PDB file of N, CA and C in Angstrom:
ATOM      1  N   UNK A   1       9.985  19.830  -7.698  1.00  0.00           N
ATOM      2  CA  UNK A   1       9.490  19.037  -6.596  1.00  0.00           C
ATOM      3  C   UNK A   1      10.428  17.842  -6.429  1.00  0.00           C
ATOM      4  N   UNK A   2      10.819  17.595  -5.202  1.00  0.00           N
ATOM      5  CA  UNK A   2      11.740  16.500  -4.935  1.00  0.00           C
ATOM      6  C   UNK A   2      11.008  15.160  -4.975  1.00  0.00           C
ATOM      7  N   UNK A   3      11.790  14.111  -5.019  1.00  0.00           N
ATOM      8  CA  UNK A   3      11.222  12.773  -5.011  1.00  0.00           C
ATOM      9  C   UNK A   3      10.493  12.502  -3.694  1.00  0.00           C
ATOM     10  N   UNK A   4      11.034  13.027  -2.590  1.00  0.00           N
ATOM     11  CA  UNK A   4      10.378  12.853  -1.290  1.00  0.00           C
ATOM     12  C   UNK A   4       9.019  13.550  -1.277  1.00  0.00           C
ATOM     13  N   UNK A   5       8.968  14.773  -1.744  1.00  0.00           N
ATOM     14  CA  UNK A   5       7.713  15.521  -1.759  1.00  0.00           C
ATOM     15  C   UNK A   5       6.688  14.845  -2.670  1.00  0.00           C
ATOM     16  N   UNK A   6       7.141  14.388  -3.835  1.00  0.00           N
ATOM     17  CA  UNK A   6       6.235  13.701  -4.748  1.00  0.00           C
ATOM     18  C   UNK A   6       5.689  12.431  -4.105  1.00  0.00           C
ATOM     19  N   UNK A   7       6.543  11.697  -3.417  1.00  0.00           N
ATOM     20  CA  UNK A   7       6.138  10.460  -2.761  1.00  0.00           C
ATOM     21  C   UNK A   7       5.069  10.739  -1.696  1.00  0.00           C
ATOM     22  N   UNK A   8       5.262  11.781  -0.924  1.00  0.00           N
ATOM     23  CA  UNK A   8       4.300  12.130   0.118  1.00  0.00           C
ATOM     24  C   UNK A   8       2.965  12.521  -0.501  1.00  0.00           C
ATOM     25  N   UNK A   9       2.989  13.330  -1.547  1.00  0.00           N
ATOM     26  CA  UNK A   9       1.756  13.738  -2.223  1.00  0.00           C
ATOM     27  C   UNK A   9       1.061  12.526  -2.841  1.00  0.00           C
ATOM     28  N   UNK A  10       1.816  11.651  -3.456  1.00  0.00           N
ATOM     29  CA  UNK A  10       1.256  10.470  -4.102  1.00  0.00           C
ATOM     30  C   UNK A  10       0.620   9.529  -3.080  1.00  0.00           C
ATOM     31  N   UNK A  11       1.285   9.293  -1.961  1.00  0.00           N
ATOM     32  CA  UNK A  11       0.743   8.420  -0.919  1.00  0.00           C
ATOM     33  C   UNK A  11      -0.524   9.039  -0.317  1.00  0.00           C
ATOM     34  N   UNK A  12      -0.501  10.349  -0.065  1.00  0.00           N
ATOM     35  CA  UNK A  12      -1.686  11.026   0.475  1.00  0.00           C
ATOM     36  C   UNK A  12      -2.867  10.948  -0.470  1.00  0.00           C
ATOM     37  N   UNK A  13      -2.618  11.172  -1.751  1.00  0.00           N
ATOM     38  CA  UNK A  13      -3.674  11.091  -2.754  1.00  0.00           C
ATOM     39  C   UNK A  13      -4.226   9.673  -2.856  1.00  0.00           C
ATOM     40  N   UNK A  14      -3.340   8.705  -2.807  1.00  0.00           N
ATOM     41  CA  UNK A  14      -3.769   7.306  -2.873  1.00  0.00           C
ATOM     42  C   UNK A  14      -4.616   6.927  -1.664  1.00  0.00           C
ATOM     43  N   UNK A  15      -4.231   7.404  -0.483  1.00  0.00           N
ATOM     44  CA  UNK A  15      -5.002   7.114   0.727  1.00  0.00           C
ATOM     45  C   UNK A  15      -6.389   7.745   0.646  1.00  0.00           C
ATOM     46  N   UNK A  16      -6.471   8.977   0.158  1.00  0.00           N
ATOM     47  CA  UNK A  16      -7.774   9.629   0.007  1.00  0.00           C
ATOM     48  C   UNK A  16      -8.645   8.907  -1.015  1.00  0.00           C
ATOM     49  N   UNK A  17      -8.054   8.477  -2.109  1.00  0.00           N
ATOM     50  CA  UNK A  17      -8.808   7.757  -3.133  1.00  0.00           C
ATOM     51  C   UNK A  17      -9.319   6.422  -2.595  1.00  0.00           C
ATOM     52  N   UNK A  18      -8.468   5.693  -1.876  1.00  0.00           N
ATOM     53  CA  UNK A  18      -8.891   4.411  -1.307  1.00  0.00           C
ATOM     54  C   UNK A  18      -9.986   4.610  -0.268  1.00  0.00           C
ATOM     55  N   UNK A  19      -9.893   5.676   0.523  1.00  0.00           N
ATOM     56  CA  UNK A  19     -10.929   5.962   1.522  1.00  0.00           C
ATOM     57  C   UNK A  19     -12.259   6.289   0.848  1.00  0.00           C
ATOM     58  N   UNK A  20     -12.219   7.118  -0.169  1.00  0.00           N
ATOM     59  CA  UNK A  20     -13.434   7.457  -0.901  1.00  0.00           C
ATOM     60  C   UNK A  20     -14.060   6.254  -1.574  1.00  0.00           C
ATOM     61  N   UNK A  21     -13.231   5.384  -2.115  1.00  0.00           N
ATOM     62  CA  UNK A  21     -13.721   4.163  -2.751  1.00  0.00           C
ATOM     63  C   UNK A  21     -14.372   3.253  -1.723  1.00  0.00           C
ATOM     64  N   UNK A  22     -13.771   3.169  -0.533  1.00  0.00           N
ATOM     65  CA  UNK A  22     -14.341   2.345   0.541  1.00  0.00           C
ATOM     66  C   UNK A  22     -15.713   2.872   0.958  1.00  0.00           C
ATOM     67  N   UNK A  23     -15.817   4.176   1.131  1.00  0.00           N
ATOM     68  CA  UNK A  23     -17.098   4.777   1.510  1.00  0.00           C
ATOM     69  C   UNK A  23     -18.147   4.524   0.435  1.00  0.00           C
ATOM     70  N   UNK A  24     -17.766   4.686  -0.818  1.00  0.00           N
ATOM     71  CA  UNK A  24     -18.685   4.475  -1.932  1.00  0.00           C
ATOM     72  C   UNK A  24     -19.192   3.027  -1.963  1.00  0.00           C
ATOM     73  N   UNK A  25     -18.276   2.075  -1.778  1.00  0.00           N
ATOM     74  CA  UNK A  25     -18.675   0.670  -1.811  1.00  0.00           C
ATOM     75  C   UNK A  25     -19.548   0.290  -0.619  1.00  0.00           C
ATOM     76  N   UNK A  26     -19.198   0.777   0.555  1.00  0.00           N
ATOM     77  CA  UNK A  26     -19.982   0.442   1.744  1.00  0.00           C
ATOM     78  C   UNK A  26     -21.369   1.078   1.667  1.00  0.00           C
ATOM     79  N   UNK A  27     -21.466   2.296   1.146  1.00  0.00           N
ATOM     80  CA  UNK A  27     -22.786   2.912   0.932  1.00  0.00           C
ATOM     81  C   UNK A  27     -23.603   2.130  -0.093  1.00  0.00           C
ATOM     82  N   UNK A  28     -22.944   1.624  -1.116  1.00  0.00           N
ATOM     83  CA  UNK A  28     -23.635   0.796  -2.107  1.00  0.00           C
ATOM     84  C   UNK A  28     -24.163  -0.486  -1.492  1.00  0.00           C
ATOM     85  N   UNK A  29     -23.389  -1.068  -0.603  1.00  0.00           N
ATOM     86  CA  UNK A  29     -23.854  -2.265   0.094  1.00  0.00           C
ATOM     87  C   UNK A  29     -25.054  -1.946   0.992  1.00  0.00           C
ATOM     88  N   UNK A  30     -24.983  -0.807   1.677  1.00  0.00           N
ATOM     89  CA  UNK A  30     -26.084  -0.412   2.574  1.00  0.00           C
ATOM     90  C   UNK A  30     -27.369  -0.131   1.797  1.00  0.00           C
ATOM     91  N   UNK A  31     -27.235   0.245   0.543  1.00  0.00           N
ATOM     92  CA  UNK A  31     -28.407   0.552  -0.278  1.00  0.00           C
ATOM     93  C   UNK A  31     -28.973  -0.691  -0.956  1.00  0.00           C
ATOM     94  N   UNK A  32     -28.486  -1.857  -0.567  1.00  0.00           N
ATOM     95  CA  UNK A  32     -29.045  -3.083  -1.131  1.00  0.00           C
ATOM     96  C   UNK A  32     -28.086  -3.842  -2.018  1.00  0.00           C
ATOM     97  N   UNK A  33     -26.821  -3.603  -1.869  1.00  0.00           N
ATOM     98  CA  UNK A  33     -25.832  -4.312  -2.674  1.00  0.00           C
ATOM     99  C   UNK A  33     -25.555  -5.704  -2.146  1.00  0.00           C
ATOM    100  N   UNK A  34     -24.601  -6.362  -2.761  1.00  0.00           N
ATOM    101  CA  UNK A  34     -24.261  -7.725  -2.353  1.00  0.00           C
ATOM    102  C   UNK A  34     -23.044  -7.741  -1.429  1.00  0.00           C
ATOM    103  N   UNK A  35     -22.711  -8.907  -0.946  1.00  0.00           N
ATOM    104  CA  UNK A  35     -21.622  -9.067   0.018  1.00  0.00           C
ATOM    105  C   UNK A  35     -20.268  -8.738  -0.595  1.00  0.00           C
ATOM    106  N   UNK A  36     -20.139  -8.869  -1.905  1.00  0.00           N
ATOM    107  CA  UNK A  36     -18.872  -8.551  -2.559  1.00  0.00           C
ATOM    108  C   UNK A  36     -18.537  -7.069  -2.419  1.00  0.00           C
ATOM    109  N   UNK A  37     -19.553  -6.223  -2.458  1.00  0.00           N
ATOM    110  CA  UNK A  37     -19.327  -4.790  -2.256  1.00  0.00           C
ATOM    111  C   UNK A  37     -18.823  -4.517  -0.845  1.00  0.00           C
ATOM    112  N   UNK A  38     -19.369  -5.193   0.134  1.00  0.00           N
ATOM    113  CA  UNK A  38     -18.922  -5.017   1.511  1.00  0.00           C
ATOM    114  C   UNK A  38     -17.485  -5.491   1.664  1.00  0.00           C
ATOM    115  N   UNK A  39     -17.160  -6.637   1.095  1.00  0.00           N
ATOM    116  CA  UNK A  39     -15.799  -7.167   1.176  1.00  0.00           C
ATOM    117  C   UNK A  39     -14.804  -6.231   0.504  1.00  0.00           C
ATOM    118  N   UNK A  40     -15.156  -5.719  -0.658  1.00  0.00           N
ATOM    119  CA  UNK A  40     -14.275  -4.788  -1.367  1.00  0.00           C
ATOM    120  C   UNK A  40     -14.139  -3.475  -0.599  1.00  0.00           C
ATOM    121  N   UNK A  41     -15.204  -3.007   0.020  1.00  0.00           N
ATOM    122  CA  UNK A  41     -15.157  -1.778   0.810  1.00  0.00           C
ATOM    123  C   UNK A  41     -14.258  -1.921   2.024  1.00  0.00           C
ATOM    124  N   UNK A  42     -14.377  -3.051   2.704  1.00  0.00           N
ATOM    125  CA  UNK A  42     -13.522  -3.297   3.871  1.00  0.00           C
ATOM    126  C   UNK A  42     -12.068  -3.423   3.446  1.00  0.00           C
ATOM    127  N   UNK A  43     -11.828  -4.105   2.342  1.00  0.00           N
ATOM    128  CA  UNK A  43     -10.456  -4.247   1.835  1.00  0.00           C
ATOM    129  C   UNK A  43      -9.864  -2.891   1.462  1.00  0.00           C
ATOM    130  N   UNK A  44     -10.660  -2.056   0.863  1.00  0.00           N
ATOM    131  CA  UNK A  44     -10.195  -0.727   0.491  1.00  0.00           C
ATOM    132  C   UNK A  44      -9.913   0.128   1.717  1.00  0.00           C
ATOM    133  N   UNK A  45     -10.726  -0.009   2.757  1.00  0.00           N
ATOM    134  CA  UNK A  45     -10.486   0.727   3.995  1.00  0.00           C
ATOM    135  C   UNK A  45      -9.191   0.254   4.664  1.00  0.00           C
ATOM    136  N   UNK A  46      -8.937  -1.034   4.617  1.00  0.00           N
ATOM    137  CA  UNK A  46      -7.686  -1.567   5.169  1.00  0.00           C
ATOM    138  C   UNK A  46      -6.500  -1.050   4.367  1.00  0.00           C
ATOM    139  N   UNK A  47      -6.640  -1.004   3.054  1.00  0.00           N
ATOM    140  CA  UNK A  47      -5.567  -0.480   2.212  1.00  0.00           C
ATOM    141  C   UNK A  47      -5.309   0.992   2.508  1.00  0.00           C
ATOM    142  N   UNK A  48      -6.357   1.766   2.709  1.00  0.00           N
ATOM    143  CA  UNK A  48      -6.198   3.188   3.042  1.00  0.00           C
ATOM    144  C   UNK A  48      -5.480   3.347   4.377  1.00  0.00           C
ATOM    145  N   UNK A  49      -5.832   2.528   5.349  1.00  0.00           N
ATOM    146  CA  UNK A  49      -5.161   2.574   6.647  1.00  0.00           C
ATOM    147  C   UNK A  49      -3.689   2.208   6.509  1.00  0.00           C
ATOM    148  N   UNK A  50      -3.413   1.202   5.708  1.00  0.00           N
ATOM    149  CA  UNK A  50      -2.031   0.806   5.468  1.00  0.00           C
ATOM    150  C   UNK A  50      -1.231   1.908   4.794  1.00  0.00           C
ATOM    151  N   UNK A  51      -1.840   2.620   3.871  1.00  0.00           N
ATOM    152  CA  UNK A  51      -1.163   3.728   3.206  1.00  0.00           C
ATOM    153  C   UNK A  51      -0.855   4.862   4.183  1.00  0.00           C
ATOM    154  N   UNK A  52      -1.762   5.133   5.099  1.00  0.00           N
ATOM    155  CA  UNK A  52      -1.522   6.176   6.106  1.00  0.00           C
ATOM    156  C   UNK A  52      -0.365   5.773   7.007  1.00  0.00           C
ATOM    157  N   UNK A  53      -0.357   4.521   7.460  1.00  0.00           N
ATOM    158  CA  UNK A  53       0.739   4.039   8.308  1.00  0.00           C
ATOM    159  C   UNK A  53       2.062   4.105   7.539  1.00  0.00           C
ATOM    160  N   UNK A  54       2.043   3.679   6.291  1.00  0.00           N
ATOM    161  CA  UNK A  54       3.250   3.738   5.473  1.00  0.00           C
ATOM    162  C   UNK A  54       3.743   5.178   5.308  1.00  0.00           C
ATOM    163  N   UNK A  55       2.824   6.100   5.078  1.00  0.00           N
ATOM    164  CA  UNK A  55       3.200   7.505   4.921  1.00  0.00           C
ATOM    165  C   UNK A  55       3.833   8.071   6.183  1.00  0.00           C
ATOM    166  N   UNK A  56       3.285   7.719   7.330  1.00  0.00           N
ATOM    167  CA  UNK A  56       3.855   8.188   8.599  1.00  0.00           C
ATOM    168  C   UNK A  56       5.245   7.614   8.800  1.00  0.00           C
ATOM    169  N   UNK A  57       5.410   6.335   8.543  1.00  0.00           N
ATOM    170  CA  UNK A  57       6.734   5.711   8.693  1.00  0.00           C
ATOM    171  C   UNK A  57       7.744   6.303   7.701  1.00  0.00           C
ATOM    172  N   UNK A  58       7.284   6.590   6.501  1.00  0.00           N
ATOM    173  CA  UNK A  58       8.156   7.196   5.501  1.00  0.00           C
ATOM    174  C   UNK A  58       8.627   8.571   5.958  1.00  0.00           C
ATOM    175  N   UNK A  59       7.704   9.357   6.507  1.00  0.00           N
ATOM    176  CA  UNK A  59       8.070  10.696   6.996  1.00  0.00           C
ATOM    177  C   UNK A  59       9.069  10.607   8.140  1.00  0.00           C
ATOM    178  N   UNK A  60       8.862   9.681   9.051  1.00  0.00           N
ATOM    179  CA  UNK A  60       9.794   9.527  10.177  1.00  0.00           C
ATOM    180  C   UNK A  60      11.168   9.074   9.710  1.00  0.00           C
ATOM    181  N   UNK A  61      11.185   8.163   8.748  1.00  0.00           N
ATOM    182  CA  UNK A  61      12.461   7.626   8.268  1.00  0.00           C
ATOM    183  C   UNK A  61      13.279   8.685   7.533  1.00  0.00           C
ATOM    184  N   UNK A  62      12.616   9.546   6.781  1.00  0.00           N
ATOM    185  CA  UNK A  62      13.323  10.531   5.969  1.00  0.00           C
ATOM    186  C   UNK A  62      13.147  11.955   6.483  1.00  0.00           C
ATOM    187  N   UNK A  63      12.991  12.122   7.794  1.00  0.00           N
ATOM    188  CA  UNK A  63      12.792  13.463   8.335  1.00  0.00           C
ATOM    189  C   UNK A  63      14.033  14.324   8.193  1.00  0.00           C
ATOM    190  N   UNK A  64      15.205  13.727   8.033  1.00  0.00           N
ATOM    191  CA  UNK A  64      16.426  14.499   7.891  1.00  0.00           C
ATOM    192  C   UNK A  64      16.706  14.900   6.431  1.00  0.00           C
ATOM    193  N   UNK A  65      15.939  14.368   5.491  1.00  0.00           N
ATOM    194  CA  UNK A  65      16.127  14.673   4.070  1.00  0.00           C
ATOM    195  C   UNK A  65      15.294  15.904   3.725  1.00  0.00           C
ATOM    196  N   UNK A  66      15.896  16.827   2.993  1.00  0.00           N
ATOM    197  CA  UNK A  66      15.220  18.067   2.617  1.00  0.00           C
ATOM    198  C   UNK A  66      14.066  17.815   1.645  1.00  0.00           C
ATOM    199  N   UNK A  67      13.060  18.671   1.690  1.00  0.00           N
ATOM    200  CA  UNK A  67      11.924  18.562   0.774  1.00  0.00           C
ATOM    201  C   UNK A  67      12.230  19.171  -0.587  1.00  0.00           C
ATOM    202  N   UNK A  68      13.336  19.843  -0.730  1.00  0.00           N
ATOM    203  CA  UNK A  68      13.684  20.469  -1.990  1.00  0.00           C
ATOM    204  C   UNK A  68      14.290  19.468  -2.879  1.00  0.00           C
TER     205      UNK A  68
END
């Protein structure tokens, strides 16, 4: 696996993990949690969005580099 392919897989996995963490925290807040859970959930959702944007920019920048 090339460094480019590993990077794409790692960024995708990180974005999914951050999204799942955000959902978990926001659901915890909705079930009677405190404001810190909401703040952490929103921060995690922003981080997941940033990772998706970064992944797209990375793919565009290195579209000429082989995946091998």
